[in-house]
N, C-alpha and C. Protein backbone atom coordinates (compact mmCIF):
# COMPACT_ATOMS: atom_id res chain seq x y z
N MET A 1 1.06 -1.32 0.07
CA MET A 1 -0.05 -0.27 -0.03
C MET A 1 1.04 1.22 -0.04
N LYS A 2 0.61 1.84 -0.73
CA LYS A 2 0.94 3.34 -0.80
C LYS A 2 0.76 4.48 -0.38
N ILE A 3 1.23 5.49 0.44
CA ILE A 3 0.60 6.26 1.64
C ILE A 3 1.17 7.36 1.64
N LEU A 4 0.64 8.83 0.90
CA LEU A 4 0.99 9.87 1.54
C LEU A 4 0.52 10.67 2.43
N LEU A 5 1.35 11.20 3.50
CA LEU A 5 1.52 11.70 4.71
C LEU A 5 1.37 12.91 4.48
N VAL A 6 0.40 14.04 5.02
CA VAL A 6 0.47 15.08 4.53
C VAL A 6 0.25 16.48 6.07
N ASP A 7 1.25 16.80 6.21
CA ASP A 7 1.41 17.81 7.63
C ASP A 7 2.26 18.60 7.32
N ASP A 8 1.84 20.26 7.97
CA ASP A 8 2.41 20.79 8.40
C ASP A 8 3.69 21.17 9.09
N GLU A 9 3.76 19.84 10.27
CA GLU A 9 4.74 19.48 10.75
C GLU A 9 5.57 18.36 10.35
N LEU A 10 6.89 18.78 10.17
CA LEU A 10 7.89 17.63 9.95
C LEU A 10 7.73 16.22 10.64
N GLU A 11 8.15 17.08 12.15
CA GLU A 11 8.50 15.98 13.50
C GLU A 11 7.56 14.80 12.96
N TYR A 12 5.88 15.42 12.76
CA TYR A 12 5.03 14.07 13.18
C TYR A 12 4.77 13.23 11.86
N GLY A 13 5.28 13.76 10.71
CA GLY A 13 5.18 13.32 9.56
C GLY A 13 6.72 12.05 9.98
N VAL A 14 7.62 12.72 9.95
CA VAL A 14 8.77 11.78 10.49
C VAL A 14 8.49 10.67 11.06
N VAL A 15 7.80 10.94 12.43
CA VAL A 15 7.79 9.63 13.02
C VAL A 15 6.46 8.72 12.90
N MET A 16 5.72 9.49 11.65
CA MET A 16 4.47 8.42 11.49
C MET A 16 4.98 7.70 10.12
N LYS A 17 5.90 8.33 9.47
CA LYS A 17 6.55 7.60 8.42
C LYS A 17 7.19 6.55 8.68
N LYS A 18 8.16 6.57 9.59
CA LYS A 18 8.77 5.53 10.50
C LYS A 18 7.99 4.51 10.74
N ILE A 19 7.09 4.93 11.36
CA ILE A 19 5.49 3.70 12.55
C ILE A 19 5.08 3.04 11.13
N LEU A 20 4.98 3.31 10.10
CA LEU A 20 3.96 2.99 8.88
C LEU A 20 5.21 1.97 8.04
N GLN A 21 6.36 2.61 7.91
CA GLN A 21 7.11 1.68 7.19
C GLN A 21 7.69 0.42 7.87
N LYS A 22 7.57 0.72 9.04
CA LYS A 22 8.51 -0.89 9.73
C LYS A 22 7.16 -1.59 9.65
N LYS A 23 5.68 -1.51 9.24
CA LYS A 23 4.66 -2.18 9.02
C LYS A 23 4.82 -2.67 7.56
N GLY A 24 5.48 -2.10 6.79
CA GLY A 24 5.50 -2.58 5.42
C GLY A 24 5.06 -1.30 4.42
N TYR A 25 4.83 -0.36 4.79
CA TYR A 25 4.07 0.14 3.95
C TYR A 25 4.88 1.78 3.30
N LEU A 26 4.53 1.78 1.78
CA LEU A 26 5.66 2.75 1.33
C LEU A 26 5.15 4.47 1.42
N VAL A 27 5.67 5.09 2.01
CA VAL A 27 4.98 6.34 2.28
C VAL A 27 6.19 7.18 2.01
N ASP A 28 5.10 8.61 1.71
CA ASP A 28 5.97 9.92 1.37
C ASP A 28 5.65 10.67 2.05
N ILE A 29 5.70 12.15 2.37
CA ILE A 29 5.60 12.92 3.19
C ILE A 29 5.26 14.25 2.53
N ALA A 30 4.25 15.00 3.01
CA ALA A 30 4.18 16.33 1.80
C ALA A 30 3.89 17.02 3.02
N LEU A 31 4.69 18.46 2.88
CA LEU A 31 4.65 19.58 3.98
C LEU A 31 3.29 20.85 4.13
N SER A 32 2.29 20.49 2.89
CA SER A 32 1.58 21.06 2.99
C SER A 32 0.73 20.67 1.75
N GLY A 33 -0.78 21.42 1.95
CA GLY A 33 -1.66 20.68 0.81
C GLY A 33 -1.70 20.86 -0.60
N GLU A 34 -0.35 21.84 -0.59
CA GLU A 34 -0.30 22.40 -2.45
C GLU A 34 0.83 21.25 -2.44
N GLU A 35 1.63 21.11 -2.23
CA GLU A 35 2.52 20.06 -2.11
C GLU A 35 2.08 18.77 -2.44
N ALA A 36 1.15 18.15 -1.79
CA ALA A 36 0.44 16.88 -1.64
C ALA A 36 -0.15 16.96 -3.16
N ILE A 37 -0.94 18.04 -3.45
CA ILE A 37 -1.76 18.28 -4.77
C ILE A 37 -0.53 17.70 -6.10
N ASN A 38 0.59 18.41 -6.17
CA ASN A 38 1.61 18.04 -7.06
C ASN A 38 1.48 17.03 -6.86
N ILE A 39 2.19 16.11 -5.44
CA ILE A 39 2.82 15.13 -5.50
C ILE A 39 1.72 14.16 -6.47
N ILE A 40 0.37 14.02 -6.37
CA ILE A 40 -0.77 13.13 -6.69
C ILE A 40 -0.90 13.68 -7.98
N LYS A 41 -0.69 14.74 -8.76
CA LYS A 41 -0.87 14.91 -10.24
C LYS A 41 -0.03 14.24 -10.58
N LYS A 42 1.79 14.19 -9.54
CA LYS A 42 2.55 13.03 -10.76
C LYS A 42 2.18 11.79 -10.66
N ASP A 43 1.57 11.24 -9.45
CA ASP A 43 2.09 10.49 -9.70
C ASP A 43 0.66 9.48 -8.43
N LYS A 44 -0.56 9.33 -9.46
CA LYS A 44 -1.76 8.98 -8.65
C LYS A 44 -2.52 7.82 -8.43
N ASN A 45 -1.66 6.87 -8.08
CA ASN A 45 -1.18 5.61 -8.25
C ASN A 45 -1.21 5.82 -5.83
N TYR A 46 -1.41 6.86 -5.44
CA TYR A 46 -1.61 6.06 -3.80
C TYR A 46 -3.02 5.84 -3.78
N ASP A 47 -2.77 5.07 -2.90
CA ASP A 47 -4.01 4.00 -2.32
C ASP A 47 -4.22 5.46 -0.80
N LEU A 48 -4.10 5.71 -0.58
CA LEU A 48 -4.15 6.41 1.14
C LEU A 48 -3.53 7.87 0.94
N VAL A 49 -4.87 8.84 1.67
CA VAL A 49 -4.03 9.81 2.10
C VAL A 49 -3.98 9.97 3.11
N LEU A 50 -3.30 10.59 4.57
CA LEU A 50 -3.46 10.39 5.96
C LEU A 50 -2.90 12.14 6.05
N SER A 51 -3.72 12.77 6.35
CA SER A 51 -3.58 14.29 6.51
C SER A 51 -4.36 15.06 7.43
N ASP A 52 -3.30 16.00 7.95
CA ASP A 52 -3.68 17.03 9.21
C ASP A 52 -4.93 18.13 8.67
N VAL A 53 -6.16 18.22 9.50
CA VAL A 53 -6.65 19.09 8.67
C VAL A 53 -6.73 20.19 9.07
N MET A 54 -6.13 20.52 10.06
CA MET A 54 -5.24 21.88 10.68
C MET A 54 -4.00 22.35 9.98
N MET A 55 -3.98 22.86 8.57
CA MET A 55 -2.57 23.41 7.90
C MET A 55 -3.44 25.10 7.12
N LYS A 56 -2.24 25.56 7.27
CA LYS A 56 -2.39 26.92 6.37
C LYS A 56 -2.79 27.01 5.13
N ASN A 57 -3.05 27.73 4.38
CA ASN A 57 -3.27 27.75 3.40
C ASN A 57 -3.94 26.93 2.70
N MET A 58 -4.31 25.54 2.57
CA MET A 58 -5.24 24.81 2.26
C MET A 58 -5.56 24.19 3.58
N ASP A 59 -6.62 23.48 4.10
CA ASP A 59 -6.82 22.86 4.98
C ASP A 59 -7.21 21.51 5.06
N GLY A 60 -7.28 20.46 5.23
CA GLY A 60 -7.82 19.11 5.22
C GLY A 60 -9.01 18.90 4.12
N VAL A 61 -9.80 19.31 4.70
CA VAL A 61 -11.24 19.43 4.02
C VAL A 61 -11.12 20.14 2.74
N GLN A 62 -10.17 20.87 2.29
CA GLN A 62 -10.15 21.35 1.60
C GLN A 62 -9.15 20.39 0.21
N LEU A 63 -8.23 19.65 0.96
CA LEU A 63 -7.12 18.93 0.59
C LEU A 63 -8.26 17.98 -0.56
N LEU A 64 -8.75 17.29 0.48
CA LEU A 64 -9.58 15.87 0.37
C LEU A 64 -10.87 16.16 -1.09
N ASP A 65 -11.25 17.62 -0.71
CA ASP A 65 -12.09 17.83 -2.07
C ASP A 65 -10.89 17.98 -3.36
N ARG A 66 -9.85 18.25 -3.38
CA ARG A 66 -9.08 18.69 -4.37
C ARG A 66 -8.71 17.09 -4.91
N ILE A 67 -7.95 16.28 -3.97
CA ILE A 67 -8.07 14.85 -4.08
C ILE A 67 -8.84 13.90 -4.69
N LYS A 68 -10.03 14.25 -4.79
CA LYS A 68 -10.82 13.75 -5.09
C LYS A 68 -11.36 14.22 -6.56
N SER A 69 -11.16 15.45 -6.75
CA SER A 69 -11.19 15.41 -8.01
C SER A 69 -10.17 15.43 -8.97
N ILE A 70 -9.23 14.60 -8.18
CA ILE A 70 -7.94 14.15 -9.36
C ILE A 70 -8.21 12.47 -9.85
N ASN A 71 -8.23 12.19 -8.19
CA ASN A 71 -8.25 10.48 -8.49
C ASN A 71 -9.37 10.33 -7.14
N ARG A 72 -10.70 9.98 -7.33
CA ARG A 72 -11.83 9.20 -7.07
C ARG A 72 -11.40 7.84 -6.25
N ASP A 73 -10.36 7.54 -6.29
CA ASP A 73 -10.14 6.08 -5.70
C ASP A 73 -8.95 6.09 -4.68
N ILE A 74 -8.64 7.14 -4.60
CA ILE A 74 -7.50 7.38 -3.20
C ILE A 74 -8.47 7.38 -1.97
N GLU A 75 -8.67 7.03 -1.21
CA GLU A 75 -8.80 7.23 -0.10
C GLU A 75 -8.43 7.81 1.07
N VAL A 76 -8.81 9.14 2.14
CA VAL A 76 -8.77 9.94 2.69
C VAL A 76 -9.25 9.79 3.93
N ILE A 77 -7.96 9.61 5.02
CA ILE A 77 -8.07 10.03 6.22
C ILE A 77 -7.74 11.48 6.98
N LEU A 78 -8.61 12.08 7.05
CA LEU A 78 -8.28 13.55 8.16
C LEU A 78 -7.75 13.36 9.58
N VAL A 79 -7.34 13.61 10.08
CA VAL A 79 -6.73 13.70 11.87
C VAL A 79 -6.60 14.89 12.00
N THR A 80 -6.53 15.19 13.38
CA THR A 80 -6.13 16.45 13.93
C THR A 80 -5.94 16.28 15.11
N GLY A 81 -5.31 17.58 16.05
CA GLY A 81 -4.57 17.41 17.47
C GLY A 81 -5.91 18.57 17.96
N TYR A 82 -6.68 18.86 17.00
CA TYR A 82 -7.46 19.87 17.85
C TYR A 82 -8.77 18.74 18.02
N GLY A 83 -8.84 18.17 18.43
CA GLY A 83 -10.79 17.89 18.47
C GLY A 83 -11.31 18.91 18.90
N SER A 84 -12.45 18.25 18.34
CA SER A 84 -13.85 18.96 18.49
C SER A 84 -15.26 18.52 18.08
N ILE A 85 -16.02 18.19 18.74
CA ILE A 85 -17.35 18.03 17.65
C ILE A 85 -17.48 18.54 16.55
N GLU A 86 -17.70 19.62 16.38
CA GLU A 86 -17.68 20.35 15.32
C GLU A 86 -16.95 20.02 14.43
N ASN A 87 -15.99 19.98 14.55
CA ASN A 87 -14.72 19.15 13.29
C ASN A 87 -14.66 17.37 13.35
N ALA A 88 -15.10 17.02 13.94
CA ALA A 88 -15.54 15.41 13.74
C ALA A 88 -16.95 15.10 13.01
N VAL A 89 -17.75 16.12 13.30
CA VAL A 89 -19.14 15.66 12.20
C VAL A 89 -18.97 16.69 10.84
């Protein structure tokens, strides 16, 4: 499985990448929504995008919409460290 991690905090991305690689996944990191879109436009073969919700310029929900307009088959999971009922629903 090929995964793209999207988070504007490099440290989080590096830790998650190591964890997922130990489980046998192929993992790339993007530090912004814009970078993620550029990566996906070049390589549409990602199985999963794991993205932070709270990012500058393009949040995770906007990124989800853009990804689905490029390739509807890519699954997207949005995560956040700023949990609230409003964000989850």
